Amino acid sequence: MSASLLPPNATPLMRAIEQVTAQRLAALPVDTIRSLWDAETCPVEWLPLLAWGESADYWDTAWSESRRRAYVAALRAIHERKGTLGAVRDILAAVGHADATVEEHLHRWTLDGSVTLDGWHSLGQGWARYLVRLARPVPNRIAQALRRLLRLTAPAHMRLVVLDYTAAAWRLDGTVTLDGAYNLGAA
């Protein structure tokens, strides 16, 4: 009995390809294949493919290696909870905004001092809207990517009103340049 999986009428070319492929696969260590599916042990050059395999909705080549690995490691949990505000918080943490706060049900007004009349709250039909307050300014291209990620992750009935970082301190130390790459407080 032969070890070949090819049918008896296989051509010589098909048999040659099978032999070469079998030799290469036999030389490949099984541990290497296992490590390719683990965000912690996957080689850096394979991380984009692992992210694609885990159905990543966004990938930024400017991220550090540790951020990339953390993002890929969080993808399965995020996909399991997709469509919940918990997944929104998880995706924000995975892309480096763990300190962001998510406010939902913007229509609820109480007279206990919990609502600040700062222009972001409106009366009426805000039950399906939410906003995200970021702890630091983000460039417009990152804000656009965050909006896309949040749209893909948030519950389908919810709409993002604004990415707000008005409370974030603007330091005039050269880290943020006012050249159109940043908005002043909201994106």
N, C-alpha and C. Protein backbone atom coordinates (compact mmCIF):
# COMPACT_ATOMS: atom_id res chain seq x y z
N MET A 1 0.84 -1.18 0.00
CA MET A 1 0.00 0.00 0.00
C MET A 1 0.88 1.23 0.00
N SER A 2 0.55 2.16 -0.84
CA SER A 2 1.36 3.37 -0.99
C SER A 2 0.89 4.45 -0.03
N ALA A 3 1.81 5.36 0.30
CA ALA A 3 1.49 6.48 1.20
C ALA A 3 0.90 7.65 0.43
N SER A 4 0.78 7.50 -0.86
CA SER A 4 0.28 8.58 -1.70
C SER A 4 -1.23 8.72 -1.55
N LEU A 5 -1.68 9.95 -1.61
CA LEU A 5 -3.12 10.23 -1.57
C LEU A 5 -3.68 10.49 -2.96
N LEU A 6 -2.80 10.42 -3.96
CA LEU A 6 -3.23 10.69 -5.32
C LEU A 6 -3.93 9.48 -5.92
N PRO A 7 -4.83 9.69 -6.86
CA PRO A 7 -5.51 8.56 -7.51
C PRO A 7 -4.53 7.82 -8.43
N PRO A 8 -4.87 6.60 -8.81
CA PRO A 8 -3.97 5.81 -9.68
C PRO A 8 -3.69 6.47 -11.02
N ASN A 9 -4.58 7.30 -11.51
CA ASN A 9 -4.38 7.91 -12.82
C ASN A 9 -3.67 9.27 -12.73
N ALA A 10 -2.98 9.55 -11.61
CA ALA A 10 -2.27 10.82 -11.45
C ALA A 10 -1.11 10.90 -12.43
N THR A 11 -0.84 12.10 -12.92
CA THR A 11 0.25 12.31 -13.87
C THR A 11 1.59 12.30 -13.14
N PRO A 12 2.68 12.09 -13.88
CA PRO A 12 4.01 12.14 -13.25
C PRO A 12 4.29 13.50 -12.60
N LEU A 13 3.80 14.57 -13.20
CA LEU A 13 4.00 15.90 -12.61
C LEU A 13 3.30 15.99 -11.25
N MET A 14 2.09 15.49 -11.16
CA MET A 14 1.36 15.51 -9.89
C MET A 14 2.10 14.71 -8.83
N ARG A 15 2.68 13.57 -9.21
CA ARG A 15 3.42 12.75 -8.25
C ARG A 15 4.70 13.45 -7.79
N ALA A 16 5.36 14.15 -8.71
CA ALA A 16 6.57 14.88 -8.35
C ALA A 16 6.25 16.02 -7.39
N ILE A 17 5.17 16.74 -7.65
CA ILE A 17 4.75 17.83 -6.75
C ILE A 17 4.40 17.28 -5.38
N GLU A 18 3.74 16.13 -5.35
CA GLU A 18 3.38 15.52 -4.07
C GLU A 18 4.63 15.17 -3.27
N GLN A 19 5.65 14.62 -3.92
CA GLN A 19 6.88 14.23 -3.22
C GLN A 19 7.60 15.45 -2.65
N VAL A 20 7.72 16.50 -3.45
CA VAL A 20 8.40 17.71 -2.98
C VAL A 20 7.64 18.34 -1.82
N THR A 21 6.35 18.41 -1.94
CA THR A 21 5.52 18.98 -0.88
C THR A 21 5.61 18.15 0.39
N ALA A 22 5.58 16.85 0.26
CA ALA A 22 5.66 15.96 1.44
C ALA A 22 7.00 16.12 2.15
N GLN A 23 8.08 16.26 1.39
CA GLN A 23 9.39 16.45 2.00
C GLN A 23 9.45 17.77 2.77
N ARG A 24 8.92 18.82 2.20
CA ARG A 24 8.95 20.13 2.87
C ARG A 24 8.07 20.13 4.11
N LEU A 25 6.91 19.51 4.02
CA LEU A 25 6.02 19.46 5.19
C LEU A 25 6.61 18.61 6.30
N ALA A 26 7.29 17.53 5.94
CA ALA A 26 7.91 16.67 6.95
C ALA A 26 9.04 17.39 7.67
N ALA A 27 9.70 18.31 6.98
CA ALA A 27 10.81 19.05 7.59
C ALA A 27 10.33 20.19 8.49
N LEU A 28 9.07 20.54 8.39
CA LEU A 28 8.54 21.65 9.19
C LEU A 28 8.17 21.17 10.58
N PRO A 29 8.77 21.75 11.63
CA PRO A 29 8.44 21.31 12.98
C PRO A 29 7.00 21.69 13.36
N VAL A 30 6.33 20.80 14.03
CA VAL A 30 4.94 21.02 14.43
C VAL A 30 4.83 22.19 15.40
N ASP A 31 5.83 22.37 16.27
CA ASP A 31 5.79 23.48 17.24
C ASP A 31 5.77 24.83 16.54
N THR A 32 6.41 24.92 15.38
CA THR A 32 6.41 26.17 14.63
C THR A 32 5.00 26.52 14.18
N ILE A 33 4.27 25.54 13.72
CA ILE A 33 2.90 25.79 13.28
C ILE A 33 2.04 26.23 14.45
N ARG A 34 2.21 25.59 15.60
CA ARG A 34 1.44 26.00 16.78
C ARG A 34 1.76 27.43 17.19
N SER A 35 3.03 27.80 17.11
CA SER A 35 3.42 29.14 17.55
C SER A 35 2.89 30.23 16.64
N LEU A 36 2.58 29.90 15.39
CA LEU A 36 2.06 30.90 14.47
C LEU A 36 0.66 31.37 14.86
N TRP A 37 -0.09 30.57 15.61
CA TRP A 37 -1.44 30.93 16.01
C TRP A 37 -1.50 31.50 17.42
N ASP A 38 -0.35 31.80 18.01
CA ASP A 38 -0.29 32.39 19.34
C ASP A 38 0.31 33.79 19.23
N ALA A 39 -0.40 34.78 19.71
CA ALA A 39 0.05 36.17 19.58
C ALA A 39 1.36 36.43 20.32
N GLU A 40 1.63 35.69 21.37
CA GLU A 40 2.85 35.90 22.15
C GLU A 40 4.08 35.29 21.49
N THR A 41 3.92 34.18 20.79
CA THR A 41 5.08 33.48 20.23
C THR A 41 5.19 33.60 18.71
N CYS A 42 4.22 34.20 18.08
CA CYS A 42 4.25 34.36 16.63
C CYS A 42 5.39 35.30 16.23
N PRO A 43 6.16 34.96 15.20
CA PRO A 43 7.20 35.89 14.74
C PRO A 43 6.58 37.22 14.31
N VAL A 44 7.32 38.30 14.53
CA VAL A 44 6.79 39.65 14.27
C VAL A 44 6.32 39.80 12.83
N GLU A 45 7.07 39.25 11.89
CA GLU A 45 6.70 39.42 10.48
C GLU A 45 5.41 38.69 10.12
N TRP A 46 4.96 37.76 10.95
CA TRP A 46 3.72 37.02 10.70
C TRP A 46 2.52 37.61 11.45
N LEU A 47 2.74 38.60 12.30
CA LEU A 47 1.63 39.17 13.08
C LEU A 47 0.51 39.74 12.20
N PRO A 48 0.81 40.47 11.11
CA PRO A 48 -0.30 40.94 10.27
C PRO A 48 -1.15 39.80 9.71
N LEU A 49 -0.52 38.69 9.35
CA LEU A 49 -1.29 37.54 8.85
C LEU A 49 -2.11 36.89 9.96
N LEU A 50 -1.55 36.85 11.16
CA LEU A 50 -2.31 36.32 12.29
C LEU A 50 -3.51 37.21 12.59
N ALA A 51 -3.30 38.53 12.53
CA ALA A 51 -4.42 39.47 12.73
C ALA A 51 -5.49 39.26 11.67
N TRP A 52 -5.08 39.07 10.43
CA TRP A 52 -6.04 38.81 9.37
C TRP A 52 -6.78 37.50 9.64
N GLY A 53 -6.06 36.48 10.08
CA GLY A 53 -6.69 35.20 10.40
C GLY A 53 -7.67 35.29 11.56
N GLU A 54 -7.44 36.25 12.45
CA GLU A 54 -8.34 36.46 13.59
C GLU A 54 -9.42 37.50 13.27
N SER A 55 -9.54 37.90 12.01
CA SER A 55 -10.55 38.85 11.53
C SER A 55 -10.39 40.23 12.15
N ALA A 56 -9.18 40.74 12.14
CA ALA A 56 -8.94 42.09 12.65
C ALA A 56 -9.60 43.10 11.73
N ASP A 57 -10.27 44.08 12.31
CA ASP A 57 -10.93 45.12 11.53
C ASP A 57 -10.00 46.29 11.23
N TYR A 58 -8.87 46.35 11.92
CA TYR A 58 -7.95 47.46 11.75
C TYR A 58 -6.55 46.98 12.08
N TRP A 59 -5.56 47.52 11.39
CA TRP A 59 -4.16 47.20 11.67
C TRP A 59 -3.34 48.45 11.38
N ASP A 60 -2.53 48.85 12.33
CA ASP A 60 -1.71 50.05 12.19
C ASP A 60 -0.24 49.63 12.24
N THR A 61 0.48 49.87 11.16
CA THR A 61 1.89 49.48 11.11
C THR A 61 2.74 50.36 12.01
N ALA A 62 2.21 51.48 12.48
CA ALA A 62 2.97 52.37 13.37
C ALA A 62 2.94 51.88 14.82
N TRP A 63 2.12 50.91 15.13
CA TRP A 63 2.06 50.39 16.50
C TRP A 63 3.37 49.72 16.88
N SER A 64 3.65 49.73 18.17
CA SER A 64 4.81 48.99 18.67
C SER A 64 4.50 47.49 18.62
N GLU A 65 5.54 46.70 18.74
CA GLU A 65 5.35 45.24 18.70
C GLU A 65 4.46 44.78 19.84
N SER A 66 4.65 45.34 21.03
CA SER A 66 3.83 44.92 22.18
C SER A 66 2.36 45.29 21.97
N ARG A 67 2.09 46.45 21.38
CA ARG A 67 0.71 46.85 21.10
C ARG A 67 0.08 45.91 20.08
N ARG A 68 0.85 45.55 19.05
CA ARG A 68 0.33 44.64 18.03
C ARG A 68 -0.03 43.29 18.64
N ARG A 69 0.86 42.77 19.48
CA ARG A 69 0.61 41.47 20.11
C ARG A 69 -0.61 41.53 21.03
N ALA A 70 -0.73 42.62 21.80
CA ALA A 70 -1.88 42.76 22.70
C ALA A 70 -3.18 42.85 21.91
N TYR A 71 -3.16 43.57 20.79
CA TYR A 71 -4.35 43.71 19.95
C TYR A 71 -4.78 42.36 19.39
N VAL A 72 -3.83 41.61 18.85
CA VAL A 72 -4.15 40.30 18.28
C VAL A 72 -4.65 39.35 19.36
N ALA A 73 -4.03 39.41 20.54
CA ALA A 73 -4.45 38.52 21.64
C ALA A 73 -5.87 38.83 22.09
N ALA A 74 -6.30 40.08 21.98
CA ALA A 74 -7.63 40.47 22.43
C ALA A 74 -8.72 40.22 21.40
N LEU A 75 -8.36 39.93 20.16
CA LEU A 75 -9.35 39.85 19.09
C LEU A 75 -10.43 38.79 19.30
N ARG A 76 -10.06 37.62 19.77
CA ARG A 76 -11.08 36.56 19.94
C ARG A 76 -12.12 36.97 20.97
N ALA A 77 -11.67 37.53 22.10
CA ALA A 77 -12.61 37.96 23.14
C ALA A 77 -13.50 39.08 22.63
N ILE A 78 -12.93 39.98 21.84
CA ILE A 78 -13.72 41.09 21.29
C ILE A 78 -14.77 40.55 20.33
N HIS A 79 -14.41 39.61 19.47
CA HIS A 79 -15.38 39.04 18.53
C HIS A 79 -16.49 38.27 19.24
N GLU A 80 -16.16 37.66 20.36
CA GLU A 80 -17.20 36.94 21.11
C GLU A 80 -18.23 37.90 21.69
N ARG A 81 -17.80 39.11 22.04
CA ARG A 81 -18.69 40.08 22.68
C ARG A 81 -19.14 41.19 21.73
N LYS A 82 -18.85 41.06 20.46
CA LYS A 82 -19.19 42.10 19.50
C LYS A 82 -20.68 42.42 19.58
N GLY A 83 -20.99 43.70 19.50
CA GLY A 83 -22.37 44.11 19.60
C GLY A 83 -22.76 44.52 21.01
N THR A 84 -21.79 44.61 21.91
CA THR A 84 -22.05 45.06 23.28
C THR A 84 -21.13 46.23 23.60
N LEU A 85 -21.52 47.00 24.60
CA LEU A 85 -20.65 48.10 25.01
C LEU A 85 -19.39 47.58 25.69
N GLY A 86 -19.45 46.38 26.23
CA GLY A 86 -18.24 45.76 26.77
C GLY A 86 -17.20 45.54 25.68
N ALA A 87 -17.65 45.15 24.50
CA ALA A 87 -16.73 44.98 23.37
C ALA A 87 -16.16 46.32 22.93
N VAL A 88 -16.96 47.39 23.03
CA VAL A 88 -16.46 48.73 22.71
C VAL A 88 -15.32 49.09 23.66
N ARG A 89 -15.52 48.83 24.94
CA ARG A 89 -14.45 49.11 25.91
C ARG A 89 -13.23 48.24 25.65
N ASP A 90 -13.46 46.98 25.29
CA ASP A 90 -12.35 46.07 25.00
C ASP A 90 -11.55 46.52 23.79
N ILE A 91 -12.22 46.97 22.73
CA ILE A 91 -11.50 47.38 21.53
C ILE A 91 -10.74 48.66 21.79
N LEU A 92 -11.30 49.57 22.60
CA LEU A 92 -10.57 50.78 22.96
C LEU A 92 -9.31 50.43 23.74
N ALA A 93 -9.42 49.49 24.67
CA ALA A 93 -8.24 49.06 25.44
C ALA A 93 -7.22 48.38 24.53
N ALA A 94 -7.68 47.60 23.58
CA ALA A 94 -6.77 46.86 22.71
C ALA A 94 -5.97 47.78 21.80
N VAL A 95 -6.53 48.92 21.43
CA VAL A 95 -5.80 49.85 20.57
C VAL A 95 -5.10 50.95 21.36
N GLY A 96 -5.04 50.79 22.69
CA GLY A 96 -4.24 51.71 23.49
C GLY A 96 -4.99 52.80 24.21
N HIS A 97 -6.30 52.70 24.31
CA HIS A 97 -7.10 53.70 25.01
C HIS A 97 -7.88 53.06 26.15
N ALA A 98 -7.18 52.34 27.01
CA ALA A 98 -7.83 51.67 28.14
C ALA A 98 -8.41 52.67 29.12
N ASP A 99 -7.89 53.89 29.13
CA ASP A 99 -8.37 54.91 30.05
C ASP A 99 -9.55 55.71 29.50
N ALA A 100 -10.06 55.35 28.34
CA ALA A 100 -11.22 56.03 27.76
C ALA A 100 -12.49 55.64 28.51
N THR A 101 -13.45 56.55 28.55
CA THR A 101 -14.74 56.25 29.17
C THR A 101 -15.82 56.30 28.10
N VAL A 102 -16.79 55.42 28.23
CA VAL A 102 -17.90 55.34 27.29
C VAL A 102 -19.15 55.76 28.04
N GLU A 103 -19.84 56.77 27.51
CA GLU A 103 -21.09 57.24 28.11
C GLU A 103 -22.23 56.91 27.15
N GLU A 104 -23.24 56.24 27.69
CA GLU A 104 -24.39 55.86 26.87
C GLU A 104 -25.66 56.49 27.42
N HIS A 105 -26.76 56.30 26.75
CA HIS A 105 -28.06 56.84 27.15
C HIS A 105 -27.95 58.34 27.43
N LEU A 106 -27.59 59.08 26.42
CA LEU A 106 -27.33 60.51 26.60
C LEU A 106 -28.59 61.31 26.87
N HIS A 107 -29.75 60.67 26.85
CA HIS A 107 -31.00 61.40 27.07
C HIS A 107 -31.38 61.48 28.53
N ARG A 108 -30.76 60.70 29.39
CA ARG A 108 -31.16 60.68 30.80
C ARG A 108 -30.64 61.91 31.53
N TRP A 109 -31.56 62.64 32.09
CA TRP A 109 -31.21 63.84 32.86
C TRP A 109 -31.69 63.65 34.28
N THR A 110 -30.82 63.84 35.20
CA THR A 110 -31.19 63.84 36.61
C THR A 110 -30.69 65.12 37.23
N LEU A 111 -31.32 65.51 38.32
CA LEU A 111 -30.93 66.76 38.98
C LEU A 111 -30.01 66.49 40.16
N ASP A 112 -29.08 65.58 39.97
CA ASP A 112 -28.16 65.25 41.05
C ASP A 112 -26.73 65.73 40.77
N GLY A 113 -26.56 66.53 39.73
CA GLY A 113 -25.24 67.05 39.40
C GLY A 113 -24.42 66.13 38.53
N SER A 114 -24.98 65.01 38.09
CA SER A 114 -24.21 64.07 37.28
C SER A 114 -24.11 64.51 35.82
N VAL A 115 -24.96 65.43 35.37
CA VAL A 115 -24.93 65.91 34.00
C VAL A 115 -24.37 67.32 34.00
N THR A 116 -23.36 67.53 33.19
CA THR A 116 -22.78 68.85 33.04
C THR A 116 -23.31 69.45 31.75
N LEU A 117 -23.80 70.64 31.81
CA LEU A 117 -24.34 71.30 30.62
C LEU A 117 -23.17 71.90 29.84
N ASP A 118 -22.50 71.04 29.11
CA ASP A 118 -21.32 71.46 28.38
C ASP A 118 -21.52 71.47 26.86
N GLY A 119 -22.74 71.33 26.42
CA GLY A 119 -23.03 71.38 24.99
C GLY A 119 -23.12 70.03 24.32
N TRP A 120 -22.74 68.95 24.99
CA TRP A 120 -22.79 67.63 24.38
C TRP A 120 -24.10 66.92 24.65
N HIS A 121 -24.83 67.34 25.64
CA HIS A 121 -26.09 66.69 25.99
C HIS A 121 -27.25 67.43 25.33
N SER A 122 -28.22 66.69 24.87
CA SER A 122 -29.40 67.31 24.29
C SER A 122 -30.62 66.53 24.74
N LEU A 123 -31.73 67.21 24.80
CA LEU A 123 -32.99 66.56 25.17
C LEU A 123 -33.52 65.78 23.98
N GLY A 124 -34.27 64.75 24.24
CA GLY A 124 -34.92 64.04 23.15
C GLY A 124 -34.45 62.63 22.96
N GLN A 125 -34.21 62.29 21.71
CA GLN A 125 -34.02 60.90 21.34
C GLN A 125 -32.55 60.51 21.34
N GLY A 126 -31.94 60.49 22.50
CA GLY A 126 -30.54 60.12 22.59
C GLY A 126 -30.31 58.76 23.20
N TRP A 127 -31.36 57.98 23.32
CA TRP A 127 -31.22 56.69 24.01
C TRP A 127 -30.28 55.75 23.27
N ALA A 128 -30.16 55.88 21.96
CA ALA A 128 -29.31 54.97 21.20
C ALA A 128 -28.01 55.63 20.76
N ARG A 129 -27.58 56.62 21.51
CA ARG A 129 -26.34 57.31 21.18
C ARG A 129 -25.35 57.16 22.33
N TYR A 130 -24.10 57.20 21.99
CA TYR A 130 -23.06 57.14 23.02
C TYR A 130 -21.90 58.02 22.59
N LEU A 131 -21.09 58.39 23.56
CA LEU A 131 -19.88 59.14 23.26
C LEU A 131 -18.71 58.50 23.96
N VAL A 132 -17.53 58.75 23.45
CA VAL A 132 -16.30 58.21 24.02
C VAL A 132 -15.42 59.38 24.40
N ARG A 133 -15.04 59.42 25.67
CA ARG A 133 -14.11 60.45 26.16
C ARG A 133 -12.72 59.84 26.25
N LEU A 134 -11.81 60.41 25.48
CA LEU A 134 -10.44 59.92 25.46
C LEU A 134 -9.59 60.74 26.42
N ALA A 135 -8.56 60.13 26.96
CA ALA A 135 -7.70 60.80 27.93
C ALA A 135 -6.57 61.58 27.28
N ARG A 136 -6.40 61.42 25.97
CA ARG A 136 -5.34 62.17 25.28
C ARG A 136 -5.79 62.46 23.85
N PRO A 137 -5.23 63.51 23.26
CA PRO A 137 -5.58 63.84 21.88
C PRO A 137 -5.15 62.74 20.91
N VAL A 138 -5.91 62.59 19.85
CA VAL A 138 -5.57 61.63 18.80
C VAL A 138 -5.57 62.35 17.46
N PRO A 139 -4.66 61.96 16.56
CA PRO A 139 -4.66 62.56 15.23
C PRO A 139 -5.94 62.19 14.47
N ASN A 140 -6.26 62.97 13.48
CA ASN A 140 -7.49 62.75 12.71
C ASN A 140 -7.52 61.37 12.06
N ARG A 141 -6.38 60.87 11.56
CA ARG A 141 -6.38 59.55 10.91
C ARG A 141 -6.67 58.44 11.92
N ILE A 142 -6.17 58.59 13.17
CA ILE A 142 -6.46 57.61 14.21
C ILE A 142 -7.92 57.73 14.64
N ALA A 143 -8.42 58.97 14.73
CA ALA A 143 -9.82 59.17 15.10
C ALA A 143 -10.75 58.53 14.06
N GLN A 144 -10.39 58.66 12.80
CA GLN A 144 -11.19 58.04 11.74
C GLN A 144 -11.17 56.52 11.87
N ALA A 145 -10.00 55.96 12.16
CA ALA A 145 -9.90 54.51 12.34
C ALA A 145 -10.67 54.06 13.58
N LEU A 146 -10.61 54.85 14.66
CA LEU A 146 -11.37 54.53 15.87
C LEU A 146 -12.87 54.53 15.59
N ARG A 147 -13.34 55.53 14.86
CA ARG A 147 -14.76 55.59 14.51
C ARG A 147 -15.18 54.34 13.74
N ARG A 148 -14.34 53.92 12.79
CA ARG A 148 -14.66 52.72 12.00
C ARG A 148 -14.69 51.49 12.90
N LEU A 149 -13.69 51.35 13.76
CA LEU A 149 -13.65 50.21 14.68
C LEU A 149 -14.86 50.19 15.59
N LEU A 150 -15.22 51.35 16.11
CA LEU A 150 -16.37 51.42 17.02
C LEU A 150 -17.67 51.12 16.28
N ARG A 151 -17.78 51.57 15.04
CA ARG A 151 -18.98 51.27 14.25
C ARG A 151 -19.11 49.77 14.02
N LEU A 152 -17.99 49.09 13.81
CA LEU A 152 -18.01 47.64 13.57
C LEU A 152 -18.19 46.83 14.85
N THR A 153 -17.90 47.43 16.00
CA THR A 153 -17.90 46.70 17.27
C THR A 153 -19.14 46.98 18.11
N ALA A 154 -19.64 48.20 18.06
CA ALA A 154 -20.75 48.62 18.93
C ALA A 154 -22.05 47.92 18.54
N PRO A 155 -23.03 47.95 19.44
CA PRO A 155 -24.35 47.42 19.08
C PRO A 155 -24.88 48.13 17.83
N ALA A 156 -25.57 47.41 16.98
CA ALA A 156 -26.02 47.96 15.70
C ALA A 156 -26.97 49.14 15.87
N HIS A 157 -27.72 49.18 16.97
CA HIS A 157 -28.68 50.26 17.16
C HIS A 157 -28.04 51.51 17.76
N MET A 158 -26.79 51.43 18.19
CA MET A 158 -26.12 52.56 18.84
C MET A 158 -25.33 53.36 17.81
N ARG A 159 -25.29 54.67 18.00
CA ARG A 159 -24.53 55.57 17.13
C ARG A 159 -23.56 56.38 17.97
N LEU A 160 -22.32 56.46 17.50
CA LEU A 160 -21.31 57.26 18.17
C LEU A 160 -21.55 58.73 17.86
N VAL A 161 -21.67 59.54 18.91
CA VAL A 161 -21.89 60.97 18.73
C VAL A 161 -20.56 61.67 18.49
N VAL A 162 -19.58 61.42 19.35
CA VAL A 162 -18.31 62.13 19.25
C VAL A 162 -17.22 61.37 19.98
N LEU A 163 -16.01 61.51 19.49
CA LEU A 163 -14.81 61.12 20.23
C LEU A 163 -14.32 62.42 20.88
N ASP A 164 -14.46 62.51 22.16
CA ASP A 164 -14.20 63.76 22.87
C ASP A 164 -12.89 63.66 23.65
N TYR A 165 -12.01 64.60 23.42
CA TYR A 165 -10.80 64.68 24.24
C TYR A 165 -10.56 66.11 24.68
N THR A 166 -11.65 66.84 24.97
CA THR A 166 -11.52 68.22 25.43
C THR A 166 -10.89 68.30 26.81
N ALA A 167 -11.05 67.25 27.62
CA ALA A 167 -10.45 67.26 28.96
C ALA A 167 -8.97 66.90 28.93
N ALA A 168 -8.48 66.42 27.80
CA ALA A 168 -7.06 66.06 27.69
C ALA A 168 -6.21 67.31 27.66
N ALA A 169 -5.13 67.26 28.36
CA ALA A 169 -4.24 68.42 28.44
C ALA A 169 -3.47 68.58 27.12
N TRP A 170 -3.52 69.79 26.59
CA TRP A 170 -2.72 70.11 25.40
C TRP A 170 -1.42 70.72 25.90
N ARG A 171 -0.35 70.00 25.69
CA ARG A 171 0.95 70.51 26.10
C ARG A 171 1.64 71.11 24.88
N LEU A 172 2.17 72.28 25.05
CA LEU A 172 2.86 72.94 23.95
C LEU A 172 4.34 72.56 23.99
N ASP A 173 4.60 71.27 23.88
CA ASP A 173 5.97 70.78 23.94
C ASP A 173 6.41 70.13 22.63
N GLY A 174 5.63 70.31 21.58
CA GLY A 174 5.99 69.77 20.28
C GLY A 174 5.43 68.39 19.99
N THR A 175 4.77 67.75 20.95
CA THR A 175 4.22 66.42 20.69
C THR A 175 2.97 66.50 19.81
N VAL A 176 2.22 67.58 19.93
CA VAL A 176 1.04 67.80 19.10
C VAL A 176 1.26 69.06 18.30
N THR A 177 1.21 68.95 16.99
CA THR A 177 1.38 70.12 16.14
C THR A 177 0.04 70.50 15.54
N LEU A 178 -0.21 71.77 15.48
CA LEU A 178 -1.48 72.26 14.94
C LEU A 178 -1.33 72.51 13.44
N ASP A 179 -1.18 71.42 12.71
CA ASP A 179 -0.98 71.49 11.27
C ASP A 179 -2.14 70.84 10.50
N GLY A 180 -3.25 70.64 11.19
CA GLY A 180 -4.40 70.00 10.57
C GLY A 180 -4.49 68.52 10.86
N ALA A 181 -3.47 67.96 11.49
CA ALA A 181 -3.50 66.53 11.82
C ALA A 181 -4.37 66.27 13.04
N TYR A 182 -4.62 67.29 13.85
CA TYR A 182 -5.42 67.16 15.07
C TYR A 182 -6.58 68.13 15.02
N ASN A 183 -7.71 67.72 15.60
CA ASN A 183 -8.81 68.64 15.85
C ASN A 183 -8.66 69.14 17.27
N LEU A 184 -9.25 70.24 17.57
CA LEU A 184 -9.13 70.81 18.91
C LEU A 184 -10.24 70.29 19.81
N GLY A 185 -10.08 69.10 20.34
CA GLY A 185 -10.96 68.60 21.37
C GLY A 185 -11.97 67.55 20.99
N ALA A 186 -12.35 67.44 19.75
CA ALA A 186 -13.36 66.44 19.38
C ALA A 186 -13.10 65.98 17.95
N ALA A 187 -13.43 64.73 17.72
CA ALA A 187 -13.25 64.19 16.37
C ALA A 187 -14.48 63.39 15.99
